[in-house]
């Protein structure tokens, strides 16, 4: 069975210039999780939509989450299990616990669960991300038992970072894919 890549945007969705959109257009085996309200996220509704989407996919799945949706994936994994989820690429985790780093509209995603994830995961962080302190991103990775990769000074690893197809990110995804298909 072919593995599906489930692209999970964060607050505000991923626009046309976001690497997630480039990946969605590039990879035939990718699909996007859509939320009803990208600008006023409600944790329970977002978890429900993620779970519904995962249940519809009867195949191996790799989650590719950005920003607020990293917290979404971690919350989902604390409430649900699904053996089809083989791994997660967790990019630029937004620190929903910190009012200094994230807007009040995401506070209902706090506190972010601090527990070992039941699938292989890789946290990718930038050293100058305005939405999470770099050491906090490392802390998340260690608590989730995730591999940790720094990509230097790339801001929030979003459209403003101008990554387009984000070739280095694709190599990280490939690494995750290989570790989940042994």
Protein backbone atom coordinates (compact mmCIF):
# COMPACT_ATOMS: atom_id res chain seq x y z
CA UNK A 1 0.00 0.00 0.00
CA UNK A 2 1.20 3.49 -0.79
CA UNK A 3 1.91 5.76 2.12
CA UNK A 4 -0.14 8.96 2.18
CA UNK A 5 1.39 12.27 3.21
CA UNK A 6 -1.17 14.21 5.21
CA UNK A 7 -0.32 17.91 5.00
CA UNK A 8 -1.60 19.72 8.10
CA UNK A 9 -1.39 23.54 7.96
CA UNK A 10 -1.37 25.74 11.02
CA UNK A 11 -3.12 28.96 11.95
CA UNK A 12 -4.31 30.86 8.88
CA UNK A 13 -3.73 27.90 6.50
CA UNK A 14 -0.73 27.62 4.19
CA UNK A 15 -0.84 30.05 1.30
CA UNK A 16 0.36 29.58 -2.28
CA UNK A 17 3.98 30.45 -1.42
CA UNK A 18 4.20 28.01 1.53
CA UNK A 19 6.35 24.89 1.18
CA UNK A 20 3.37 22.77 2.29
CA UNK A 21 1.42 23.95 -0.77
CA UNK A 22 4.41 23.22 -3.02
CA UNK A 23 4.60 19.71 -1.55
CA UNK A 24 0.87 19.19 -1.94
CA UNK A 25 1.20 20.02 -5.64
CA UNK A 26 4.37 17.94 -6.08
CA UNK A 27 3.55 14.68 -4.32
CA UNK A 28 0.74 12.61 -5.85
CA UNK A 29 0.38 10.72 -2.58
CA UNK A 30 -0.27 13.89 -0.54
CA UNK A 31 -3.56 15.26 0.70
CA UNK A 32 -4.36 18.31 2.77
CA UNK A 33 -6.31 18.45 5.99
CA UNK A 34 -8.86 21.26 5.72
CA UNK A 35 -10.37 23.00 8.71
CA UNK A 36 -13.64 24.96 8.81
CA UNK A 37 -12.02 27.99 10.41
CA UNK A 38 -8.31 28.62 9.88
CA UNK A 39 -8.26 31.92 11.76
CA UNK A 40 -10.10 31.05 15.00
CA UNK A 41 -8.97 27.50 15.75
CA UNK A 42 -10.90 25.41 18.24
CA UNK A 43 -8.86 22.50 19.56
CA UNK A 44 -11.69 19.98 19.85
CA UNK A 45 -13.01 20.72 16.35
CA UNK A 46 -9.53 20.58 14.85
CA UNK A 47 -8.81 17.26 16.58
CA UNK A 48 -12.14 15.86 15.38
CA UNK A 49 -11.38 16.85 11.77
CA UNK A 50 -7.88 15.35 11.96
CA UNK A 51 -9.22 12.11 13.41
CA UNK A 52 -11.99 11.88 10.78
CA UNK A 53 -9.43 12.37 8.02
CA UNK A 54 -7.06 9.76 9.43
CA UNK A 55 -9.90 7.25 9.79
CA UNK A 56 -10.85 7.70 6.12
CA UNK A 57 -7.33 6.83 4.99
CA UNK A 58 -6.97 3.07 4.96
CA UNK A 59 -3.24 3.07 4.36
CA UNK A 60 0.04 4.06 6.06
CA UNK A 61 0.15 7.79 6.83
CA UNK A 62 2.92 10.30 7.51
CA UNK A 63 1.71 13.50 9.12
CA UNK A 64 3.40 16.73 7.97
CA UNK A 65 2.40 19.42 10.44
CA UNK A 66 3.43 23.07 10.58
CA UNK A 67 3.27 25.52 13.48
CA UNK A 68 -0.02 25.32 15.42
CA UNK A 69 -0.74 21.94 13.85
CA UNK A 70 2.28 20.47 15.59
CA UNK A 71 0.35 21.07 18.82
CA UNK A 72 -2.72 19.61 17.09
CA UNK A 73 -0.88 16.37 16.26
CA UNK A 74 0.44 16.03 19.80
CA UNK A 75 -3.03 16.65 21.26
CA UNK A 76 -4.56 14.16 18.79
CA UNK A 77 -2.03 11.49 19.79
CA UNK A 78 -2.92 11.95 23.46
CA UNK A 79 -6.60 11.23 22.71
CA UNK A 80 -6.48 8.80 19.77
CA UNK A 81 -4.41 6.00 18.36
CA UNK A 82 -4.29 4.71 14.83
CA UNK A 83 -1.78 2.14 13.64
CA UNK A 84 -1.86 3.65 10.15
CA UNK A 85 0.01 6.73 11.43
CA UNK A 86 3.61 5.71 10.89
CA UNK A 87 5.38 8.99 11.55
CA UNK A 88 5.20 12.76 11.79
CA UNK A 89 7.29 15.61 10.47
CA UNK A 90 6.71 18.39 13.00
CA UNK A 91 7.92 21.68 11.56
CA UNK A 92 8.25 24.95 13.50
CA UNK A 93 6.20 24.03 16.57
CA UNK A 94 4.30 27.07 17.84
CA UNK A 95 4.68 27.48 21.59
CA UNK A 96 0.98 27.71 22.46
CA UNK A 97 1.88 27.93 26.16
CA UNK A 98 3.72 31.23 25.66
CA UNK A 99 1.80 34.48 25.28
CA UNK A 100 5.15 36.08 24.37
CA UNK A 101 5.44 33.84 21.29
CA UNK A 102 1.90 33.10 20.12
CA UNK A 103 -1.37 35.02 19.83
CA UNK A 104 -4.24 34.60 22.29
CA UNK A 105 -6.39 32.93 19.62
CA UNK A 106 -4.31 29.73 20.00
CA UNK A 107 -4.37 29.65 23.80
CA UNK A 108 -7.06 26.93 23.77
CA UNK A 109 -4.33 24.59 22.44
CA UNK A 110 -2.45 25.03 25.75
CA UNK A 111 -1.03 23.31 27.56
CA UNK A 112 0.81 21.42 24.88
CA UNK A 113 1.04 17.73 25.81
CA UNK A 114 4.48 16.63 26.96
CA UNK A 115 4.59 12.89 26.36
CA UNK A 116 6.33 10.38 24.15
CA UNK A 117 4.62 10.13 20.78
CA UNK A 118 3.51 6.63 19.72
CA UNK A 119 5.12 6.96 16.27
CA UNK A 120 8.48 8.07 14.92
CA UNK A 121 8.74 11.83 14.60
CA UNK A 122 11.17 14.56 13.63
CA UNK A 123 10.95 18.11 14.96
CA UNK A 124 12.43 20.71 12.61
CA UNK A 125 13.17 24.14 14.06
CA UNK A 126 14.70 27.44 13.05
CA UNK A 127 17.02 29.30 15.40
CA UNK A 128 15.14 32.59 14.88
CA UNK A 129 11.52 31.46 14.87
CA UNK A 130 9.39 34.22 16.45
CA UNK A 131 6.74 31.68 17.54
CA UNK A 132 8.97 29.42 19.63
CA UNK A 133 12.24 29.82 21.49
CA UNK A 134 14.83 27.51 19.92
CA UNK A 135 15.59 25.78 23.23
CA UNK A 136 11.88 25.26 23.82
CA UNK A 137 11.62 23.53 20.43
CA UNK A 138 14.51 21.26 21.50
CA UNK A 139 12.68 20.58 24.77
CA UNK A 140 9.51 19.57 22.89
CA UNK A 141 11.53 17.19 20.72
CA UNK A 142 13.15 15.55 23.73
CA UNK A 143 9.82 15.15 25.57
CA UNK A 144 8.10 13.69 22.50
CA UNK A 145 11.10 11.38 21.86
CA UNK A 146 11.47 13.01 18.44
CA UNK A 147 14.60 13.46 16.42
CA UNK A 148 15.58 17.14 16.32
CA UNK A 149 16.92 19.04 13.31
CA UNK A 150 17.94 22.69 13.26
CA UNK A 151 17.81 24.39 9.87
CA UNK A 152 19.60 27.53 10.95
CA UNK A 153 18.05 30.98 10.59
CA UNK A 154 14.86 30.43 8.57
CA UNK A 155 12.28 32.35 10.62
CA UNK A 156 9.00 30.48 11.06
CA UNK A 157 9.74 28.10 8.15
CA UNK A 158 6.71 29.47 6.31
CA UNK A 159 5.93 31.52 3.19
CA UNK A 160 8.10 34.38 4.45
CA UNK A 161 11.06 31.98 4.55
CA UNK A 162 10.79 31.65 0.74
CA UNK A 163 11.61 27.93 0.74
CA UNK A 164 9.40 26.99 -2.24
CA UNK A 165 9.80 23.20 -2.62
CA UNK A 166 12.12 23.16 0.43
CA UNK A 167 14.51 20.54 -0.91
CA UNK A 168 16.23 20.03 2.47
CA UNK A 169 12.83 19.44 4.03
CA UNK A 170 12.11 16.82 1.39
CA UNK A 171 15.31 15.03 2.39
CA UNK A 172 14.15 15.08 6.03
CA UNK A 173 10.77 13.69 4.94
CA UNK A 174 12.57 10.98 2.97
CA UNK A 175 14.58 10.08 6.10
CA UNK A 176 11.35 9.82 8.09
CA UNK A 177 9.75 7.73 5.36
CA UNK A 178 12.67 5.29 5.38
CA UNK A 179 12.55 4.85 9.17
CA UNK A 180 8.81 4.17 9.10
CA UNK A 181 8.97 1.58 6.31
CA UNK A 182 11.38 -0.95 7.76
